[in-house]
Amino acid sequence: MSHKPNETLLLNYLGASPVLRIIDFFLDNPLSDYSKNEIVKNLGMGRVTFFKYWKELEKSGAVKVTRSVGRATMYRLARESEVVKQLVRLDMALARGAMEKAVREYEKPVAVRSR
């Protein structure tokens, strides 16, 4: 499987559907919470597309409200959600696999040509 530029291992493996792109954004930015506008801007996703799929993420419990800042509601990935836990495990397994492959490539003996 070849890795596409600007795509994480998770998106490369599962496909870059809008829902997965949103979840992947949170996986890549776990220490902060974000407003919907910040997420749209960071993903470069159309607002109509974003809001269509965002409703499903909210209903499923994959994202949760963390706080309000002025008029903006801030969100974070709901890591207690079973689906989110499984995606986190898959993301970690893919990263581990990629790291192990990179180590194997690095440790391969280099052929030295004699002159």
PDB file of N, CA and C in Angstrom:
ATOM      1  N   MET A   1       0.852  -1.176   0.000  1.00  0.00           N
ATOM      2  CA  MET A   1       0.000   0.000   0.000  1.00  0.00           C
ATOM      3  C   MET A   1       0.896   1.236   0.000  1.00  0.00           C
ATOM      4  N   SER A   2       0.705   2.111  -0.971  1.00  0.00           N
ATOM      5  CA  SER A   2       1.537   3.311  -1.016  1.00  0.00           C
ATOM      6  C   SER A   2       0.842   4.435  -0.273  1.00  0.00           C
ATOM      7  N   HIS A   3       1.645   5.228   0.397  1.00  0.00           N
ATOM      8  CA  HIS A   3       1.130   6.322   1.217  1.00  0.00           C
ATOM      9  C   HIS A   3       0.992   7.564   0.347  1.00  0.00           C
ATOM     10  N   LYS A   4      -0.201   8.145   0.310  1.00  0.00           N
ATOM     11  CA  LYS A   4      -0.440   9.354  -0.474  1.00  0.00           C
ATOM     12  C   LYS A   4       0.099  10.552   0.294  1.00  0.00           C
ATOM     13  N   PRO A   5       0.659  11.535  -0.416  1.00  0.00           N
ATOM     14  CA  PRO A   5       1.153  12.741   0.275  1.00  0.00           C
ATOM     15  C   PRO A   5       0.017  13.422   1.043  1.00  0.00           C
ATOM     16  N   ASN A   6       0.344  13.978   2.185  1.00  0.00           N
ATOM     17  CA  ASN A   6      -0.606  14.720   3.028  1.00  0.00           C
ATOM     18  C   ASN A   6      -1.720  13.857   3.595  1.00  0.00           C
ATOM     19  N   GLU A   7      -1.570  12.545   3.582  1.00  0.00           N
ATOM     20  CA  GLU A   7      -2.564  11.675   4.188  1.00  0.00           C
ATOM     21  C   GLU A   7      -1.909  10.885   5.300  1.00  0.00           C
ATOM     22  N   THR A   8      -2.609  10.792   6.409  1.00  0.00           N
ATOM     23  CA  THR A   8      -2.086  10.009   7.523  1.00  0.00           C
ATOM     24  C   THR A   8      -2.214   8.526   7.191  1.00  0.00           C
ATOM     25  N   LEU A   9      -1.552   7.713   7.975  1.00  0.00           N
ATOM     26  CA  LEU A   9      -1.633   6.264   7.780  1.00  0.00           C
ATOM     27  C   LEU A   9      -3.080   5.778   7.895  1.00  0.00           C
ATOM     28  N   LEU A  10      -3.815   6.323   8.844  1.00  0.00           N
ATOM     29  CA  LEU A  10      -5.202   5.917   9.058  1.00  0.00           C
ATOM     30  C   LEU A  10      -6.050   6.213   7.823  1.00  0.00           C
ATOM     31  N   LEU A  11      -5.927   7.413   7.274  1.00  0.00           N
ATOM     32  CA  LEU A  11      -6.710   7.780   6.094  1.00  0.00           C
ATOM     33  C   LEU A  11      -6.269   6.985   4.879  1.00  0.00           C
ATOM     34  N   ASN A  12      -4.983   6.733   4.770  1.00  0.00           N
ATOM     35  CA  ASN A  12      -4.479   5.943   3.662  1.00  0.00           C
ATOM     36  C   ASN A  12      -5.031   4.520   3.735  1.00  0.00           C
ATOM     37  N   TYR A  13      -5.156   3.991   4.927  1.00  0.00           N
ATOM     38  CA  TYR A  13      -5.615   2.621   5.144  1.00  0.00           C
ATOM     39  C   TYR A  13      -7.130   2.484   4.972  1.00  0.00           C
ATOM     40  N   LEU A  14      -7.900   3.407   5.565  1.00  0.00           N
ATOM     41  CA  LEU A  14      -9.358   3.301   5.568  1.00  0.00           C
ATOM     42  C   LEU A  14     -10.054   4.145   4.504  1.00  0.00           C
ATOM     43  N   GLY A  15      -9.323   5.076   3.902  1.00  0.00           N
ATOM     44  CA  GLY A  15      -9.936   5.987   2.945  1.00  0.00           C
ATOM     45  C   GLY A  15     -10.210   7.331   3.599  1.00  0.00           C
ATOM     46  N   ALA A  16     -10.193   8.367   2.800  1.00  0.00           N
ATOM     47  CA  ALA A  16     -10.306   9.726   3.336  1.00  0.00           C
ATOM     48  C   ALA A  16     -11.744  10.236   3.265  1.00  0.00           C
ATOM     49  N   SER A  17     -12.663   9.492   3.839  1.00  0.00           N
ATOM     50  CA  SER A  17     -14.056   9.959   3.879  1.00  0.00           C
ATOM     51  C   SER A  17     -14.124  11.194   4.788  1.00  0.00           C
ATOM     52  N   PRO A  18     -15.145  12.032   4.597  1.00  0.00           N
ATOM     53  CA  PRO A  18     -15.251  13.223   5.460  1.00  0.00           C
ATOM     54  C   PRO A  18     -15.272  12.893   6.953  1.00  0.00           C
ATOM     55  N   VAL A  19     -16.002  11.858   7.342  1.00  0.00           N
ATOM     56  CA  VAL A  19     -16.075  11.489   8.761  1.00  0.00           C
ATOM     57  C   VAL A  19     -14.689  11.111   9.276  1.00  0.00           C
ATOM     58  N   LEU A  20     -13.981  10.282   8.529  1.00  0.00           N
ATOM     59  CA  LEU A  20     -12.641   9.879   8.965  1.00  0.00           C
ATOM     60  C   LEU A  20     -11.668  11.044   8.964  1.00  0.00           C
ATOM     61  N   ARG A  21     -11.809  11.961   8.025  1.00  0.00           N
ATOM     62  CA  ARG A  21     -10.933  13.144   8.027  1.00  0.00           C
ATOM     63  C   ARG A  21     -11.148  13.965   9.297  1.00  0.00           C
ATOM     64  N   ILE A  22     -12.390  14.102   9.728  1.00  0.00           N
ATOM     65  CA  ILE A  22     -12.686  14.856  10.950  1.00  0.00           C
ATOM     66  C   ILE A  22     -12.108  14.130  12.164  1.00  0.00           C
ATOM     67  N   ILE A  23     -12.353  12.844  12.264  1.00  0.00           N
ATOM     68  CA  ILE A  23     -11.823  12.065  13.393  1.00  0.00           C
ATOM     69  C   ILE A  23     -10.301  12.092  13.390  1.00  0.00           C
ATOM     70  N   ASP A  24      -9.717  11.938  12.214  1.00  0.00           N
ATOM     71  CA  ASP A  24      -8.262  11.950  12.086  1.00  0.00           C
ATOM     72  C   ASP A  24      -7.679  13.292  12.523  1.00  0.00           C
ATOM     73  N   PHE A  25      -8.378  14.380  12.237  1.00  0.00           N
ATOM     74  CA  PHE A  25      -7.937  15.700  12.686  1.00  0.00           C
ATOM     75  C   PHE A  25      -7.808  15.722  14.209  1.00  0.00           C
ATOM     76  N   PHE A  26      -8.808  15.186  14.892  1.00  0.00           N
ATOM     77  CA  PHE A  26      -8.757  15.148  16.355  1.00  0.00           C
ATOM     78  C   PHE A  26      -7.662  14.204  16.857  1.00  0.00           C
ATOM     79  N   LEU A  27      -7.466  13.079  16.177  1.00  0.00           N
ATOM     80  CA  LEU A  27      -6.405  12.148  16.582  1.00  0.00           C
ATOM     81  C   LEU A  27      -5.033  12.800  16.449  1.00  0.00           C
ATOM     82  N   ASP A  28      -4.870  13.620  15.424  1.00  0.00           N
ATOM     83  CA  ASP A  28      -3.590  14.306  15.211  1.00  0.00           C
ATOM     84  C   ASP A  28      -3.397  15.513  16.126  1.00  0.00           C
ATOM     85  N   ASN A  29      -4.469  15.968  16.755  1.00  0.00           N
ATOM     86  CA  ASN A  29      -4.428  17.145  17.626  1.00  0.00           C
ATOM     87  C   ASN A  29      -5.129  16.843  18.945  1.00  0.00           C
ATOM     88  N   PRO A  30      -4.594  15.885  19.713  1.00  0.00           N
ATOM     89  CA  PRO A  30      -5.318  15.400  20.890  1.00  0.00           C
ATOM     90  C   PRO A  30      -5.296  16.317  22.108  1.00  0.00           C
ATOM     91  N   LEU A  31      -4.421  17.295  22.128  1.00  0.00           N
ATOM     92  CA  LEU A  31      -4.264  18.084  23.346  1.00  0.00           C
ATOM     93  C   LEU A  31      -5.136  19.334  23.402  1.00  0.00           C
ATOM     94  N   SER A  32      -5.839  19.614  22.315  1.00  0.00           N
ATOM     95  CA  SER A  32      -6.657  20.826  22.273  1.00  0.00           C
ATOM     96  C   SER A  32      -8.083  20.491  21.920  1.00  0.00           C
ATOM     97  N   ASP A  33      -8.965  21.453  22.164  1.00  0.00           N
ATOM     98  CA  ASP A  33     -10.329  21.353  21.676  1.00  0.00           C
ATOM     99  C   ASP A  33     -10.507  22.426  20.611  1.00  0.00           C
ATOM    100  N   TYR A  34     -11.496  22.256  19.755  1.00  0.00           N
ATOM    101  CA  TYR A  34     -11.648  23.116  18.589  1.00  0.00           C
ATOM    102  C   TYR A  34     -13.103  23.465  18.348  1.00  0.00           C
ATOM    103  N   SER A  35     -13.319  24.659  17.790  1.00  0.00           N
ATOM    104  CA  SER A  35     -14.659  25.042  17.346  1.00  0.00           C
ATOM    105  C   SER A  35     -14.884  24.424  15.964  1.00  0.00           C
ATOM    106  N   LYS A  36     -16.134  24.353  15.559  1.00  0.00           N
ATOM    107  CA  LYS A  36     -16.443  23.799  14.238  1.00  0.00           C
ATOM    108  C   LYS A  36     -15.752  24.613  13.148  1.00  0.00           C
ATOM    109  N   ASN A  37     -15.737  25.933  13.292  1.00  0.00           N
ATOM    110  CA  ASN A  37     -15.079  26.777  12.289  1.00  0.00           C
ATOM    111  C   ASN A  37     -13.584  26.463  12.180  1.00  0.00           C
ATOM    112  N   GLU A  38     -12.927  26.238  13.315  1.00  0.00           N
ATOM    113  CA  GLU A  38     -11.495  25.895  13.293  1.00  0.00           C
ATOM    114  C   GLU A  38     -11.264  24.560  12.591  1.00  0.00           C
ATOM    115  N   ILE A  39     -12.146  23.609  12.828  1.00  0.00           N
ATOM    116  CA  ILE A  39     -12.001  22.291  12.205  1.00  0.00           C
ATOM    117  C   ILE A  39     -12.163  22.409  10.691  1.00  0.00           C
ATOM    118  N   VAL A  40     -13.205  23.119  10.255  1.00  0.00           N
ATOM    119  CA  VAL A  40     -13.442  23.318   8.819  1.00  0.00           C
ATOM    120  C   VAL A  40     -12.226  23.968   8.175  1.00  0.00           C
ATOM    121  N   LYS A  41     -11.727  25.016   8.808  1.00  0.00           N
ATOM    122  CA  LYS A  41     -10.573  25.748   8.267  1.00  0.00           C
ATOM    123  C   LYS A  41      -9.334  24.849   8.190  1.00  0.00           C
ATOM    124  N   ASN A  42      -9.058  24.103   9.246  1.00  0.00           N
ATOM    125  CA  ASN A  42      -7.878  23.232   9.273  1.00  0.00           C
ATOM    126  C   ASN A  42      -7.973  22.094   8.260  1.00  0.00           C
ATOM    127  N   LEU A  43      -9.165  21.584   8.028  1.00  0.00           N
ATOM    128  CA  LEU A  43      -9.339  20.485   7.086  1.00  0.00           C
ATOM    129  C   LEU A  43      -9.441  20.960   5.643  1.00  0.00           C
ATOM    130  N   GLY A  44      -9.779  22.226   5.452  1.00  0.00           N
ATOM    131  CA  GLY A  44      -9.995  22.720   4.097  1.00  0.00           C
ATOM    132  C   GLY A  44     -11.213  22.039   3.471  1.00  0.00           C
ATOM    133  N   MET A  45     -12.172  21.714   4.302  1.00  0.00           N
ATOM    134  CA  MET A  45     -13.380  21.005   3.866  1.00  0.00           C
ATOM    135  C   MET A  45     -14.492  22.022   3.663  1.00  0.00           C
ATOM    136  N   GLY A  46     -15.344  21.772   2.696  1.00  0.00           N
ATOM    137  CA  GLY A  46     -16.497  22.645   2.484  1.00  0.00           C
ATOM    138  C   GLY A  46     -17.415  22.617   3.689  1.00  0.00           C
ATOM    139  N   ARG A  47     -18.014  23.747   4.007  1.00  0.00           N
ATOM    140  CA  ARG A  47     -18.874  23.838   5.185  1.00  0.00           C
ATOM    141  C   ARG A  47     -20.092  22.915   5.074  1.00  0.00           C
ATOM    142  N   VAL A  48     -20.692  22.848   3.886  1.00  0.00           N
ATOM    143  CA  VAL A  48     -21.871  21.997   3.704  1.00  0.00           C
ATOM    144  C   VAL A  48     -21.502  20.540   3.979  1.00  0.00           C
ATOM    145  N   THR A  49     -20.394  20.093   3.419  1.00  0.00           N
ATOM    146  CA  THR A  49     -19.925  18.720   3.644  1.00  0.00           C
ATOM    147  C   THR A  49     -19.653  18.496   5.118  1.00  0.00           C
ATOM    148  N   PHE A  50     -18.920  19.424   5.739  1.00  0.00           N
ATOM    149  CA  PHE A  50     -18.588  19.282   7.158  1.00  0.00           C
ATOM    150  C   PHE A  50     -19.844  19.118   8.011  1.00  0.00           C
ATOM    151  N   PHE A  51     -20.792  20.034   7.853  1.00  0.00           N
ATOM    152  CA  PHE A  51     -21.971  20.014   8.724  1.00  0.00           C
ATOM    153  C   PHE A  51     -22.850  18.794   8.466  1.00  0.00           C
ATOM    154  N   LYS A  52     -22.867  18.304   7.236  1.00  0.00           N
ATOM    155  CA  LYS A  52     -23.613  17.090   6.926  1.00  0.00           C
ATOM    156  C   LYS A  52     -23.103  15.911   7.755  1.00  0.00           C
ATOM    157  N   TYR A  53     -21.788  15.765   7.852  1.00  0.00           N
ATOM    158  CA  TYR A  53     -21.195  14.636   8.569  1.00  0.00           C
ATOM    159  C   TYR A  53     -21.010  14.910  10.058  1.00  0.00           C
ATOM    160  N   TRP A  54     -20.877  16.161  10.428  1.00  0.00           N
ATOM    161  CA  TRP A  54     -20.689  16.514  11.835  1.00  0.00           C
ATOM    162  C   TRP A  54     -21.880  16.056  12.672  1.00  0.00           C
ATOM    163  N   LYS A  55     -23.083  16.235  12.120  1.00  0.00           N
ATOM    164  CA  LYS A  55     -24.285  15.822  12.857  1.00  0.00           C
ATOM    165  C   LYS A  55     -24.225  14.341  13.218  1.00  0.00           C
ATOM    166  N   GLU A  56     -23.743  13.524  12.291  1.00  0.00           N
ATOM    167  CA  GLU A  56     -23.624  12.081  12.543  1.00  0.00           C
ATOM    168  C   GLU A  56     -22.602  11.801  13.651  1.00  0.00           C
ATOM    169  N   LEU A  57     -21.499  12.535  13.641  1.00  0.00           N
ATOM    170  CA  LEU A  57     -20.479  12.355  14.682  1.00  0.00           C
ATOM    171  C   LEU A  57     -21.024  12.723  16.054  1.00  0.00           C
ATOM    172  N   GLU A  58     -21.790  13.795  16.110  1.00  0.00           N
ATOM    173  CA  GLU A  58     -22.396  14.192  17.387  1.00  0.00           C
ATOM    174  C   GLU A  58     -23.398  13.139  17.863  1.00  0.00           C
ATOM    175  N   LYS A  59     -24.264  12.670  16.958  1.00  0.00           N
ATOM    176  CA  LYS A  59     -25.269  11.663  17.317  1.00  0.00           C
ATOM    177  C   LYS A  59     -24.622  10.374  17.805  1.00  0.00           C
ATOM    178  N   SER A  60     -23.525   9.994  17.171  1.00  0.00           N
ATOM    179  CA  SER A  60     -22.868   8.732  17.521  1.00  0.00           C
ATOM    180  C   SER A  60     -22.086   8.825  18.828  1.00  0.00           C
ATOM    181  N   GLY A  61     -21.844  10.051  19.305  1.00  0.00           N
ATOM    182  CA  GLY A  61     -21.081  10.227  20.539  1.00  0.00           C
ATOM    183  C   GLY A  61     -19.575  10.203  20.319  1.00  0.00           C
ATOM    184  N   ALA A  62     -19.133  10.327  19.071  1.00  0.00           N
ATOM    185  CA  ALA A  62     -17.696  10.305  18.774  1.00  0.00           C
ATOM    186  C   ALA A  62     -17.007  11.617  19.149  1.00  0.00           C
ATOM    187  N   VAL A  63     -17.772  12.706  19.185  1.00  0.00           N
ATOM    188  CA  VAL A  63     -17.234  14.004  19.612  1.00  0.00           C
ATOM    189  C   VAL A  63     -18.070  14.512  20.778  1.00  0.00           C
ATOM    190  N   LYS A  64     -17.443  15.346  21.589  1.00  0.00           N
ATOM    191  CA  LYS A  64     -18.175  15.882  22.744  1.00  0.00           C
ATOM    192  C   LYS A  64     -17.816  17.348  22.952  1.00  0.00           C
ATOM    193  N   VAL A  65     -18.742  18.051  23.565  1.00  0.00           N
ATOM    194  CA  VAL A  65     -18.538  19.458  23.904  1.00  0.00           C
ATOM    195  C   VAL A  65     -17.610  19.523  25.105  1.00  0.00           C
ATOM    196  N   THR A  66     -16.621  20.421  25.030  1.00  0.00           N
ATOM    197  CA  THR A  66     -15.706  20.586  26.161  1.00  0.00           C
ATOM    198  C   THR A  66     -15.961  21.886  26.917  1.00  0.00           C
ATOM    199  N   ARG A  67     -16.297  22.954  26.181  1.00  0.00           N
ATOM    200  CA  ARG A  67     -16.504  24.254  26.825  1.00  0.00           C
ATOM    201  C   ARG A  67     -17.035  25.235  25.793  1.00  0.00           C
ATOM    202  N   SER A  68     -17.377  26.432  26.259  1.00  0.00           N
ATOM    203  CA  SER A  68     -17.769  27.521  25.373  1.00  0.00           C
ATOM    204  C   SER A  68     -16.773  28.646  25.526  1.00  0.00           C
ATOM    205  N   VAL A  69     -16.405  29.230  24.399  1.00  0.00           N
ATOM    206  CA  VAL A  69     -15.519  30.383  24.395  1.00  0.00           C
ATOM    207  C   VAL A  69     -16.260  31.470  23.628  1.00  0.00           C
ATOM    208  N   GLY A  70     -16.795  32.451  24.363  1.00  0.00           N
ATOM    209  CA  GLY A  70     -17.644  33.445  23.719  1.00  0.00           C
ATOM    210  C   GLY A  70     -18.867  32.745  23.156  1.00  0.00           C
ATOM    211  N   ARG A  71     -19.088  32.929  21.852  1.00  0.00           N
ATOM    212  CA  ARG A  71     -20.231  32.271  21.209  1.00  0.00           C
ATOM    213  C   ARG A  71     -19.852  30.926  20.601  1.00  0.00           C
ATOM    214  N   ALA A  72     -18.588  30.573  20.629  1.00  0.00           N
ATOM    215  CA  ALA A  72     -18.127  29.323  20.015  1.00  0.00           C
ATOM    216  C   ALA A  72     -18.189  28.172  21.013  1.00  0.00           C
ATOM    217  N   THR A  73     -18.672  27.050  20.543  1.00  0.00           N
ATOM    218  CA  THR A  73     -18.656  25.814  21.329  1.00  0.00           C
ATOM    219  C   THR A  73     -17.428  25.033  20.900  1.00  0.00           C
ATOM    220  N   MET A  74     -16.694  24.534  21.875  1.00  0.00           N
ATOM    221  CA  MET A  74     -15.463  23.801  21.588  1.00  0.00           C
ATOM    222  C   MET A  74     -15.716  22.301  21.741  1.00  0.00           C
ATOM    223  N   TYR A  75     -15.023  21.528  20.896  1.00  0.00           N
ATOM    224  CA  TYR A  75     -15.222  20.076  20.859  1.00  0.00           C
ATOM    225  C   TYR A  75     -13.896  19.335  20.944  1.00  0.00           C
ATOM    226  N   ARG A  76     -14.023  18.096  21.365  1.00  0.00           N
ATOM    227  CA  ARG A  76     -12.882  17.180  21.447  1.00  0.00           C
ATOM    228  C   ARG A  76     -13.408  15.789  21.087  1.00  0.00           C
ATOM    229  N   LEU A  77     -12.525  14.917  20.678  1.00  0.00           N
ATOM    230  CA  LEU A  77     -12.896  13.535  20.408  1.00  0.00           C
ATOM    231  C   LEU A  77     -13.296  12.871  21.717  1.00  0.00           C
ATOM    232  N   ALA A  78     -14.370  12.104  21.692  1.00  0.00           N
ATOM    233  CA  ALA A  78     -14.853  11.402  22.892  1.00  0.00           C
ATOM    234  C   ALA A  78     -14.097  10.080  23.004  1.00  0.00           C
ATOM    235  N   ARG A  79     -12.973  10.112  23.678  1.00  0.00           N
ATOM    236  CA  ARG A  79     -12.108   8.924  23.749  1.00  0.00           C
ATOM    237  C   ARG A  79     -12.732   7.771  24.529  1.00  0.00           C
ATOM    238  N   GLU A  80     -13.804   8.039  25.256  1.00  0.00           N
ATOM    239  CA  GLU A  80     -14.489   6.966  25.975  1.00  0.00           C
ATOM    240  C   GLU A  80     -15.431   6.188  25.051  1.00  0.00           C
ATOM    241  N   SER A  81     -15.705   6.713  23.861  1.00  0.00           N
ATOM    242  CA  SER A  81     -16.558   6.031  22.886  1.00  0.00           C
ATOM    243  C   SER A  81     -15.861   4.769  22.388  1.00  0.00           C
ATOM    244  N   GLU A  82     -16.580   3.658  22.326  1.00  0.00           N
ATOM    245  CA  GLU A  82     -15.986   2.388  21.901  1.00  0.00           C
ATOM    246  C   GLU A  82     -15.461   2.465  20.470  1.00  0.00           C
ATOM    247  N   VAL A  83     -16.181   3.130  19.590  1.00  0.00           N
ATOM    248  CA  VAL A  83     -15.724   3.276  18.199  1.00  0.00           C
ATOM    249  C   VAL A  83     -14.433   4.088  18.154  1.00  0.00           C
ATOM    250  N   VAL A  84     -14.382   5.162  18.910  1.00  0.00           N
ATOM    251  CA  VAL A  84     -13.172   5.987  18.949  1.00  0.00           C
ATOM    252  C   VAL A  84     -12.008   5.183  19.512  1.00  0.00           C
ATOM    253  N   LYS A  85     -12.258   4.412  20.563  1.00  0.00           N
ATOM    254  CA  LYS A  85     -11.189   3.572  21.139  1.00  0.00           C
ATOM    255  C   LYS A  85     -10.623   2.629  20.082  1.00  0.00           C
ATOM    256  N   GLN A  86     -11.494   2.023  19.284  1.00  0.00           N
ATOM    257  CA  GLN A  86     -11.038   1.098  18.245  1.00  0.00           C
ATOM    258  C   GLN A  86     -10.246   1.825  17.164  1.00  0.00           C
ATOM    259  N   LEU A  87     -10.679   3.023  16.787  1.00  0.00           N
ATOM    260  CA  LEU A  87      -9.937   3.801  15.786  1.00  0.00           C
ATOM    261  C   LEU A  87      -8.571   4.221  16.318  1.00  0.00           C
ATOM    262  N   VAL A  88      -8.506   4.567  17.593  1.00  0.00           N
ATOM    263  CA  VAL A  88      -7.226   4.917  18.214  1.00  0.00           C
ATOM    264  C   VAL A  88      -6.297   3.704  18.194  1.00  0.00           C
ATOM    265  N   ARG A  89      -6.833   2.522  18.535  1.00  0.00           N
ATOM    266  CA  ARG A  89      -6.022   1.288  18.496  1.00  0.00           C
ATOM    267  C   ARG A  89      -5.509   1.016  17.091  1.00  0.00           C
ATOM    268  N   LEU A  90      -6.387   1.165  16.096  1.00  0.00           N
ATOM    269  CA  LEU A  90      -5.980   0.935  14.707  1.00  0.00           C
ATOM    270  C   LEU A  90      -4.913   1.940  14.291  1.00  0.00           C
ATOM    271  N   ASP A  91      -5.107   3.200  14.644  1.00  0.00           N
ATOM    272  CA  ASP A  91      -4.130   4.246  14.315  1.00  0.00           C
ATOM    273  C   ASP A  91      -2.768   3.916  14.931  1.00  0.00           C
ATOM    274  N   MET A  92      -2.778   3.461  16.174  1.00  0.00           N
ATOM    275  CA  MET A  92      -1.525   3.111  16.855  1.00  0.00           C
ATOM    276  C   MET A  92      -0.879   1.881  16.213  1.00  0.00           C
ATOM    277  N   ALA A  93      -1.688   0.901  15.838  1.00  0.00           N
ATOM    278  CA  ALA A  93      -1.157  -0.307  15.197  1.00  0.00           C
ATOM    279  C   ALA A  93      -0.543   0.029  13.843  1.00  0.00           C
ATOM    280  N   LEU A  94      -1.191   0.900  13.089  1.00  0.00           N
ATOM    281  CA  LEU A  94      -0.639   1.316  11.791  1.00  0.00           C
ATOM    282  C   LEU A  94       0.681   2.056  11.976  1.00  0.00           C
ATOM    283  N   ALA A  95       0.741   2.925  12.972  1.00  0.00           N
ATOM    284  CA  ALA A  95       1.978   3.668  13.248  1.00  0.00           C
ATOM    285  C   ALA A  95       3.093   2.721  13.668  1.00  0.00           C
ATOM    286  N   ARG A  96       2.752   1.758  14.524  1.00  0.00           N
ATOM    287  CA  ARG A  96       3.742   0.780  14.976  1.00  0.00           C
ATOM    288  C   ARG A  96       4.258  -0.041  13.791  1.00  0.00           C
ATOM    289  N   GLY A  97       3.347  -0.466  12.922  1.00  0.00           N
ATOM    290  CA  GLY A  97       3.735  -1.234  11.735  1.00  0.00           C
ATOM    291  C   GLY A  97       4.637  -0.435  10.816  1.00  0.00           C
ATOM    292  N   ALA A  98       4.323   0.832  10.623  1.00  0.00           N
ATOM    293  CA  ALA A  98       5.143   1.693   9.767  1.00  0.00           C
ATOM    294  C   ALA A  98       6.527   1.900  10.380  1.00  0.00           C
ATOM    295  N   MET A  99       6.574   2.036  11.690  1.00  0.00           N
ATOM    296  CA  MET A  99       7.850   2.226  12.382  1.00  0.00           C
ATOM    297  C   MET A  99       8.702   0.966  12.267  1.00  0.00           C
ATOM    298  N   GLU A 100       8.087  -0.190  12.475  1.00  0.00           N
ATOM    299  CA  GLU A 100       8.828  -1.452  12.371  1.00  0.00           C
ATOM    300  C   GLU A 100       9.360  -1.657  10.957  1.00  0.00           C
ATOM    301  N   LYS A 101       8.569  -1.309   9.955  1.00  0.00           N
ATOM    302  CA  LYS A 101       9.007  -1.421   8.560  1.00  0.00           C
ATOM    303  C   LYS A 101      10.189  -0.487   8.305  1.00  0.00           C
ATOM    304  N   ALA A 102      10.102   0.734   8.822  1.00  0.00           N
ATOM    305  CA  ALA A 102      11.188   1.702   8.637  1.00  0.00           C
ATOM    306  C   ALA A 102      12.472   1.202   9.296  1.00  0.00           C
ATOM    307  N   VAL A 103      12.362   0.604  10.470  1.00  0.00           N
ATOM    308  CA  VAL A 103      13.537   0.070  11.169  1.00  0.00           C
ATOM    309  C   VAL A 103      14.155  -1.070  10.363  1.00  0.00           C
ATOM    310  N   ARG A 104      13.300  -1.960   9.841  1.00  0.00           N
ATOM    311  CA  ARG A 104      13.817  -3.066   9.022  1.00  0.00           C
ATOM    312  C   ARG A 104      14.553  -2.548   7.798  1.00  0.00           C
ATOM    313  N   GLU A 105      13.998  -1.541   7.154  1.00  0.00           N
ATOM    314  CA  GLU A 105      14.651  -0.944   5.973  1.00  0.00           C
ATOM    315  C   GLU A 105      15.994  -0.319   6.356  1.00  0.00           C
ATOM    316  N   TYR A 106      16.015   0.345   7.491  1.00  0.00           N
ATOM    317  CA  TYR A 106      17.229   1.014   7.956  1.00  0.00           C
ATOM    318  C   TYR A 106      18.320  -0.006   8.290  1.00  0.00           C
ATOM    319  N   GLU A 107      17.910  -1.154   8.822  1.00  0.00           N
ATOM    320  CA  GLU A 107      18.879  -2.166   9.261  1.00  0.00           C
ATOM    321  C   GLU A 107      19.360  -3.084   8.139  1.00  0.00           C
ATOM    322  N   LYS A 108      18.776  -2.963   6.939  1.00  0.00           N
ATOM    323  CA  LYS A 108      19.218  -3.808   5.829  1.00  0.00           C
ATOM    324  C   LYS A 108      20.679  -3.516   5.514  1.00  0.00           C
ATOM    325  N   PRO A 109      21.440  -4.563   5.262  1.00  0.00           N
ATOM    326  CA  PRO A 109      22.839  -4.334   4.900  1.00  0.00           C
ATOM    327  C   PRO A 109      22.941  -3.598   3.558  1.00  0.00           C
ATOM    328  N   VAL A 110      23.898  -2.762   3.475  1.00  0.00           N
ATOM    329  CA  VAL A 110      24.125  -1.998   2.252  1.00  0.00           C
ATOM    330  C   VAL A 110      25.153  -2.751   1.421  1.00  0.00           C
ATOM    331  N   ALA A 111      24.834  -2.966   0.169  1.00  0.00           N
ATOM    332  CA  ALA A 111      25.771  -3.659  -0.715  1.00  0.00           C
ATOM    333  C   ALA A 111      26.911  -2.699  -1.054  1.00  0.00           C
ATOM    334  N   VAL A 112      28.111  -3.185  -0.866  1.00  0.00           N
ATOM    335  CA  VAL A 112      29.290  -2.366  -1.179  1.00  0.00           C
ATOM    336  C   VAL A 112      29.910  -2.946  -2.441  1.00  0.00           C
ATOM    337  N   ARG A 113      30.088  -2.105  -3.426  1.00  0.00           N
ATOM    338  CA  ARG A 113      30.705  -2.554  -4.672  1.00  0.00           C
ATOM    339  C   ARG A 113      32.200  -2.440  -4.573  1.00  0.00           C
ATOM    340  N   SER A 114      32.885  -3.458  -5.077  1.00  0.00           N
ATOM    341  CA  SER A 114      34.338  -3.352  -5.121  1.00  0.00           C
ATOM    342  C   SER A 114      34.727  -2.738  -6.449  1.00  0.00           C
ATOM    343  N   ARG A 115      35.839  -2.032  -6.441  1.00  0.00           N
ATOM    344  CA  ARG A 115      36.280  -1.343  -7.660  1.00  0.00           C
ATOM    345  C   ARG A 115      37.182  -2.195  -8.467  1.00  0.00           C
TER     346      ARG A 115
END
